[in-house]
Each structure stands twice: as structure tokens, then as C-alpha cells.
Amino acid sequence: MLALAYDAALRREELCALRTDDLDPAHRTLRIRAETTKNRLERVVPYSAPTGVLLSDYLAHRASLSRARGSLFLSESRRNHAQPLSLGTWSKVVRRIALTADVPRFSTQPHGTCV
């Protein structure tokens, strides 16, 4: 998720709202639907070949969680198993990564606001 967010310059709302049908692996692009963007305009954004490899691996793993089409990123928790990953959960994951990497100001929030 982090690589995809970085490559495509996605806001957390856009990243967490991605659906399986928003992917075009053949062209290494994502469709960002209008309802998830700040300006309400749809756009198509590219992602890198290395991110494509990571995404391919994730899609194989995702199939073990759910074969249903829909939200791209799914929770693995017992409480929310195979449910769409929430903004709050994604923010907590990024926060944990930031603290582990000793980069405490790294955040999913604008202007470095900590979650």
C-alpha cells in the first residue's frame, strides 16, 4: 500500500477506497474515482514496475482473504476479517512504520499532523 500511495501520489482516502476494478495491471495504472478525490474529478495514474510486482504479490495474498470483487485492500484482523481496510487502520499502520523507522513526523495526515 505504501509503495502504491507513494508512486501514484494518493491521499489516504483515495488509497483506501481503491477497488479491484480500478486496477489495470497491463498498463500499470489505477483509476481514481471522482467520488474519492478532493476536486471530484476522476483521474488515471501510473505506478512503477517494482510496485507492480508488490501489487501482484498482494493480489495473490488477497485471494486467500476473499475472492470477491470490491475493495482492494482488506483487513486481516479477526474482528474485521476480509472487510475493507479503514482510514483509521491505515493511519495506525503508517504510524507504526514511522515509529519503527524513527521518523515520528511521517504520517498519512496533511502537514505532518500525527494520528
N, C-alpha and C. Protein backbone atom coordinates (compact mmCIF):
# COMPACT_ATOMS: atom_id res chain seq x y z
N MET A 1 0.83 -1.19 0.00
CA MET A 1 0.00 0.00 0.00
C MET A 1 0.87 1.25 0.00
N LEU A 2 1.91 1.22 0.80
CA LEU A 2 2.78 2.39 0.90
C LEU A 2 3.44 2.70 -0.45
N ALA A 3 3.91 1.68 -1.14
CA ALA A 3 4.55 1.88 -2.44
C ALA A 3 3.55 2.44 -3.45
N LEU A 4 2.34 1.92 -3.43
CA LEU A 4 1.31 2.38 -4.35
C LEU A 4 0.93 3.83 -4.04
N ALA A 5 0.78 4.15 -2.76
CA ALA A 5 0.44 5.51 -2.37
C ALA A 5 1.53 6.48 -2.82
N TYR A 6 2.78 6.07 -2.63
CA TYR A 6 3.91 6.94 -3.00
C TYR A 6 3.99 7.11 -4.52
N ASP A 7 3.97 6.00 -5.25
CA ASP A 7 4.09 6.06 -6.72
C ASP A 7 2.99 6.91 -7.35
N ALA A 8 1.76 6.72 -6.90
CA ALA A 8 0.62 7.37 -7.53
C ALA A 8 0.21 8.67 -6.83
N ALA A 9 0.97 9.07 -5.80
CA ALA A 9 0.67 10.29 -5.03
C ALA A 9 -0.77 10.29 -4.54
N LEU A 10 -1.16 9.20 -3.88
CA LEU A 10 -2.53 9.05 -3.43
C LEU A 10 -2.72 9.54 -2.00
N ARG A 11 -3.82 10.22 -1.76
CA ARG A 11 -4.24 10.56 -0.41
C ARG A 11 -4.77 9.28 0.23
N ARG A 12 -4.79 9.23 1.55
CA ARG A 12 -5.24 8.00 2.22
C ARG A 12 -6.68 7.65 1.85
N GLU A 13 -7.53 8.65 1.64
CA GLU A 13 -8.92 8.39 1.24
C GLU A 13 -8.96 7.70 -0.11
N GLU A 14 -8.11 8.15 -1.03
CA GLU A 14 -8.07 7.56 -2.36
C GLU A 14 -7.51 6.15 -2.31
N LEU A 15 -6.47 5.95 -1.52
CA LEU A 15 -5.84 4.63 -1.39
C LEU A 15 -6.80 3.61 -0.79
N CYS A 16 -7.43 3.96 0.31
CA CYS A 16 -8.32 3.02 1.00
C CYS A 16 -9.60 2.75 0.22
N ALA A 17 -9.97 3.66 -0.69
CA ALA A 17 -11.19 3.48 -1.48
C ALA A 17 -10.96 2.71 -2.78
N LEU A 18 -9.71 2.36 -3.08
CA LEU A 18 -9.45 1.63 -4.33
C LEU A 18 -10.21 0.31 -4.36
N ARG A 19 -10.70 -0.01 -5.54
CA ARG A 19 -11.44 -1.26 -5.74
C ARG A 19 -10.66 -2.12 -6.75
N THR A 20 -10.97 -3.39 -6.74
CA THR A 20 -10.26 -4.30 -7.64
C THR A 20 -10.43 -3.90 -9.10
N ASP A 21 -11.58 -3.34 -9.46
CA ASP A 21 -11.80 -2.96 -10.85
C ASP A 21 -11.17 -1.61 -11.20
N ASP A 22 -10.50 -0.96 -10.25
CA ASP A 22 -9.77 0.28 -10.53
C ASP A 22 -8.37 0.00 -11.07
N LEU A 23 -7.94 -1.25 -11.02
CA LEU A 23 -6.60 -1.63 -11.46
C LEU A 23 -6.57 -1.98 -12.94
N ASP A 24 -5.50 -1.57 -13.59
CA ASP A 24 -5.22 -2.02 -14.95
C ASP A 24 -3.76 -2.48 -14.95
N PRO A 25 -3.51 -3.73 -14.51
CA PRO A 25 -2.13 -4.22 -14.41
C PRO A 25 -1.39 -4.23 -15.74
N ALA A 26 -2.11 -4.43 -16.85
CA ALA A 26 -1.46 -4.47 -18.16
C ALA A 26 -0.78 -3.15 -18.50
N HIS A 27 -1.37 -2.06 -18.04
CA HIS A 27 -0.81 -0.73 -18.31
C HIS A 27 -0.19 -0.09 -17.06
N ARG A 28 -0.20 -0.83 -15.96
CA ARG A 28 0.30 -0.35 -14.66
C ARG A 28 -0.30 1.01 -14.32
N THR A 29 -1.65 1.05 -14.34
CA THR A 29 -2.36 2.27 -13.98
C THR A 29 -3.49 1.96 -13.00
N LEU A 30 -3.88 3.02 -12.29
CA LEU A 30 -5.01 2.97 -11.37
C LEU A 30 -6.01 4.03 -11.79
N ARG A 31 -7.27 3.70 -11.66
CA ARG A 31 -8.33 4.70 -11.88
C ARG A 31 -8.72 5.22 -10.50
N ILE A 32 -8.59 6.50 -10.30
CA ILE A 32 -9.01 7.13 -9.06
C ILE A 32 -10.38 7.74 -9.33
N ARG A 33 -11.40 7.15 -8.72
CA ARG A 33 -12.77 7.56 -8.99
C ARG A 33 -13.06 8.96 -8.45
N ALA A 34 -13.89 9.69 -9.15
CA ALA A 34 -14.22 11.07 -8.82
C ALA A 34 -14.70 11.23 -7.39
N GLU A 35 -15.49 10.29 -6.90
CA GLU A 35 -16.08 10.44 -5.56
C GLU A 35 -15.04 10.35 -4.44
N THR A 36 -13.81 9.92 -4.76
CA THR A 36 -12.78 9.82 -3.72
C THR A 36 -11.77 10.96 -3.76
N THR A 37 -11.87 11.83 -4.77
CA THR A 37 -10.89 12.90 -4.92
C THR A 37 -11.38 14.21 -4.30
N LYS A 38 -10.45 15.08 -3.97
CA LYS A 38 -10.81 16.38 -3.40
C LYS A 38 -11.56 17.26 -4.40
N ASN A 39 -11.14 17.20 -5.66
CA ASN A 39 -11.75 18.08 -6.67
C ASN A 39 -12.88 17.41 -7.45
N ARG A 40 -13.22 16.18 -7.06
CA ARG A 40 -14.32 15.41 -7.68
C ARG A 40 -14.12 15.16 -9.17
N LEU A 41 -12.84 15.05 -9.57
CA LEU A 41 -12.51 14.71 -10.95
C LEU A 41 -11.79 13.37 -10.99
N GLU A 42 -12.25 12.47 -11.84
CA GLU A 42 -11.59 11.17 -11.98
C GLU A 42 -10.25 11.36 -12.67
N ARG A 43 -9.30 10.51 -12.31
CA ARG A 43 -8.00 10.55 -12.99
C ARG A 43 -7.44 9.13 -13.07
N VAL A 44 -6.52 8.95 -13.99
CA VAL A 44 -5.81 7.68 -14.14
C VAL A 44 -4.35 7.98 -13.87
N VAL A 45 -3.77 7.19 -12.96
CA VAL A 45 -2.38 7.44 -12.56
C VAL A 45 -1.55 6.17 -12.74
N PRO A 46 -0.28 6.34 -13.08
CA PRO A 46 0.61 5.19 -13.26
C PRO A 46 1.25 4.77 -11.93
N TYR A 47 1.77 3.55 -11.92
CA TYR A 47 2.62 3.10 -10.82
C TYR A 47 3.80 2.35 -11.43
N SER A 48 4.88 2.25 -10.67
CA SER A 48 6.14 1.71 -11.19
C SER A 48 6.11 0.19 -11.33
N ALA A 49 7.06 -0.33 -12.09
CA ALA A 49 7.20 -1.78 -12.25
C ALA A 49 7.47 -2.47 -10.91
N PRO A 50 8.38 -1.94 -10.05
CA PRO A 50 8.58 -2.60 -8.75
C PRO A 50 7.31 -2.62 -7.90
N THR A 51 6.52 -1.55 -7.94
CA THR A 51 5.25 -1.54 -7.21
C THR A 51 4.29 -2.55 -7.83
N GLY A 52 4.35 -2.70 -9.14
CA GLY A 52 3.51 -3.71 -9.81
C GLY A 52 3.81 -5.11 -9.33
N VAL A 53 5.08 -5.41 -9.06
CA VAL A 53 5.46 -6.72 -8.53
C VAL A 53 4.88 -6.90 -7.13
N LEU A 54 5.02 -5.87 -6.30
CA LEU A 54 4.45 -5.93 -4.95
C LEU A 54 2.93 -6.08 -4.99
N LEU A 55 2.30 -5.35 -5.89
CA LEU A 55 0.85 -5.41 -6.02
C LEU A 55 0.40 -6.80 -6.48
N SER A 56 1.14 -7.38 -7.40
CA SER A 56 0.82 -8.74 -7.87
C SER A 56 0.90 -9.74 -6.72
N ASP A 57 1.94 -9.61 -5.91
CA ASP A 57 2.06 -10.48 -4.73
C ASP A 57 0.91 -10.26 -3.77
N TYR A 58 0.53 -9.00 -3.57
CA TYR A 58 -0.59 -8.73 -2.68
C TYR A 58 -1.89 -9.33 -3.22
N LEU A 59 -2.12 -9.22 -4.52
CA LEU A 59 -3.35 -9.75 -5.10
C LEU A 59 -3.45 -11.26 -4.90
N ALA A 60 -2.31 -11.96 -4.98
CA ALA A 60 -2.31 -13.40 -4.70
C ALA A 60 -2.67 -13.64 -3.24
N HIS A 61 -2.14 -12.83 -2.34
CA HIS A 61 -2.48 -12.94 -0.92
C HIS A 61 -3.93 -12.57 -0.67
N ARG A 62 -4.41 -11.52 -1.33
CA ARG A 62 -5.79 -11.07 -1.15
C ARG A 62 -6.77 -12.18 -1.49
N ALA A 63 -6.44 -12.98 -2.50
CA ALA A 63 -7.31 -14.08 -2.89
C ALA A 63 -7.50 -15.08 -1.76
N SER A 64 -6.53 -15.17 -0.85
CA SER A 64 -6.69 -16.06 0.30
C SER A 64 -7.63 -15.46 1.34
N LEU A 65 -7.83 -14.15 1.31
CA LEU A 65 -8.76 -13.48 2.22
C LEU A 65 -10.17 -13.48 1.66
N SER A 66 -10.26 -13.17 0.36
CA SER A 66 -11.56 -13.10 -0.30
C SER A 66 -11.37 -13.13 -1.81
N ARG A 67 -12.21 -13.86 -2.48
CA ARG A 67 -12.18 -13.87 -3.95
C ARG A 67 -13.20 -12.89 -4.52
N ALA A 68 -13.96 -12.26 -3.66
CA ALA A 68 -14.99 -11.31 -4.09
C ALA A 68 -14.35 -10.06 -4.65
N ARG A 69 -14.98 -9.52 -5.67
CA ARG A 69 -14.54 -8.23 -6.19
C ARG A 69 -14.98 -7.17 -5.19
N GLY A 70 -14.38 -6.03 -5.25
CA GLY A 70 -14.75 -4.94 -4.34
C GLY A 70 -13.52 -4.23 -3.85
N SER A 71 -13.51 -3.88 -2.59
CA SER A 71 -12.38 -3.14 -2.02
C SER A 71 -11.08 -3.88 -2.28
N LEU A 72 -10.06 -3.12 -2.68
CA LEU A 72 -8.77 -3.73 -2.99
C LEU A 72 -8.05 -4.17 -1.73
N PHE A 73 -8.00 -3.30 -0.74
CA PHE A 73 -7.24 -3.61 0.47
C PHE A 73 -8.19 -4.07 1.58
N LEU A 74 -7.92 -5.27 2.07
CA LEU A 74 -8.79 -5.90 3.06
C LEU A 74 -8.09 -6.10 4.39
N SER A 75 -8.88 -6.02 5.45
CA SER A 75 -8.36 -6.23 6.80
C SER A 75 -8.08 -7.71 7.03
N GLU A 76 -7.05 -7.97 7.82
CA GLU A 76 -6.72 -9.34 8.21
C GLU A 76 -7.02 -9.59 9.69
N SER A 77 -7.60 -8.62 10.36
CA SER A 77 -7.89 -8.79 11.78
C SER A 77 -9.01 -9.81 11.97
N ARG A 78 -9.04 -10.40 13.14
CA ARG A 78 -10.12 -11.36 13.44
C ARG A 78 -11.47 -10.65 13.47
N ARG A 79 -11.48 -9.46 14.02
CA ARG A 79 -12.75 -8.73 14.17
C ARG A 79 -13.32 -8.26 12.84
N ASN A 80 -12.47 -7.84 11.91
CA ASN A 80 -12.93 -7.29 10.63
C ASN A 80 -12.41 -8.08 9.44
N HIS A 81 -12.21 -9.36 9.61
CA HIS A 81 -11.58 -10.19 8.59
C HIS A 81 -12.25 -10.02 7.22
N ALA A 82 -11.41 -9.70 6.23
CA ALA A 82 -11.81 -9.56 4.82
C ALA A 82 -12.76 -8.38 4.58
N GLN A 83 -12.85 -7.47 5.53
CA GLN A 83 -13.62 -6.24 5.34
C GLN A 83 -12.68 -5.17 4.77
N PRO A 84 -13.23 -4.16 4.13
CA PRO A 84 -12.37 -3.10 3.59
C PRO A 84 -11.51 -2.47 4.69
N LEU A 85 -10.28 -2.18 4.37
CA LEU A 85 -9.37 -1.55 5.31
C LEU A 85 -9.81 -0.11 5.55
N SER A 86 -9.96 0.28 6.80
CA SER A 86 -10.45 1.62 7.12
C SER A 86 -9.32 2.65 7.09
N LEU A 87 -9.70 3.90 7.01
CA LEU A 87 -8.73 5.00 7.04
C LEU A 87 -7.96 4.97 8.36
N GLY A 88 -8.67 4.73 9.44
CA GLY A 88 -8.02 4.69 10.75
C GLY A 88 -7.00 3.58 10.87
N THR A 89 -7.34 2.41 10.35
CA THR A 89 -6.40 1.29 10.39
C THR A 89 -5.17 1.60 9.57
N TRP A 90 -5.36 2.17 8.38
CA TRP A 90 -4.22 2.52 7.54
C TRP A 90 -3.34 3.56 8.24
N SER A 91 -3.94 4.54 8.88
CA SER A 91 -3.17 5.55 9.60
C SER A 91 -2.36 4.91 10.73
N LYS A 92 -2.94 3.95 11.43
CA LYS A 92 -2.22 3.26 12.51
C LYS A 92 -1.04 2.45 11.97
N VAL A 93 -1.23 1.81 10.82
CA VAL A 93 -0.15 1.04 10.20
C VAL A 93 1.01 1.97 9.84
N VAL A 94 0.69 3.09 9.21
CA VAL A 94 1.73 4.05 8.82
C VAL A 94 2.41 4.62 10.06
N ARG A 95 1.66 4.88 11.10
CA ARG A 95 2.24 5.39 12.34
C ARG A 95 3.24 4.40 12.92
N ARG A 96 2.88 3.11 12.91
CA ARG A 96 3.78 2.06 13.41
C ARG A 96 5.06 1.99 12.57
N ILE A 97 4.91 2.09 11.26
CA ILE A 97 6.08 2.09 10.36
C ILE A 97 6.97 3.28 10.68
N ALA A 98 6.37 4.46 10.86
CA ALA A 98 7.13 5.68 11.14
C ALA A 98 7.91 5.57 12.44
N LEU A 99 7.28 5.05 13.46
CA LEU A 99 7.96 4.91 14.75
C LEU A 99 9.08 3.87 14.68
N THR A 100 8.84 2.78 13.98
CA THR A 100 9.86 1.75 13.81
C THR A 100 11.06 2.30 13.05
N ALA A 101 10.79 3.13 12.05
CA ALA A 101 11.87 3.73 11.24
C ALA A 101 12.47 4.96 11.90
N ASP A 102 11.98 5.32 13.08
CA ASP A 102 12.45 6.50 13.81
C ASP A 102 12.25 7.78 13.00
N VAL A 103 11.08 7.87 12.37
CA VAL A 103 10.69 9.06 11.62
C VAL A 103 9.31 9.47 12.15
N PRO A 104 9.26 9.99 13.37
CA PRO A 104 7.98 10.22 14.03
C PRO A 104 7.05 11.21 13.34
N ARG A 105 7.57 12.10 12.52
CA ARG A 105 6.70 13.08 11.84
C ARG A 105 6.09 12.54 10.56
N PHE A 106 6.48 11.34 10.13
CA PHE A 106 5.90 10.72 8.93
C PHE A 106 4.46 10.32 9.26
N SER A 107 3.52 10.71 8.39
CA SER A 107 2.11 10.50 8.70
C SER A 107 1.28 10.44 7.44
N THR A 108 0.06 9.91 7.57
CA THR A 108 -0.90 9.94 6.47
C THR A 108 -1.69 11.23 6.48
N GLN A 109 -1.53 12.03 7.53
CA GLN A 109 -2.26 13.29 7.67
C GLN A 109 -1.53 14.41 6.95
N PRO A 110 -2.25 15.40 6.43
CA PRO A 110 -1.59 16.52 5.77
C PRO A 110 -0.76 17.33 6.77
N HIS A 111 0.29 17.90 6.29
CA HIS A 111 1.17 18.80 7.05
C HIS A 111 1.82 18.12 8.26
N GLY A 112 2.00 16.82 8.19
CA GLY A 112 2.71 16.10 9.25
C GLY A 112 1.94 15.97 10.55
N THR A 113 0.63 16.20 10.52
CA THR A 113 -0.18 16.03 11.72
C THR A 113 -0.15 14.57 12.13
N CYS A 114 0.14 14.28 13.36
CA CYS A 114 0.20 12.88 13.82
C CYS A 114 -1.20 12.37 14.08
N VAL A 115 -1.39 11.10 13.85
CA VAL A 115 -2.69 10.47 14.09
C VAL A 115 -2.75 9.87 15.46
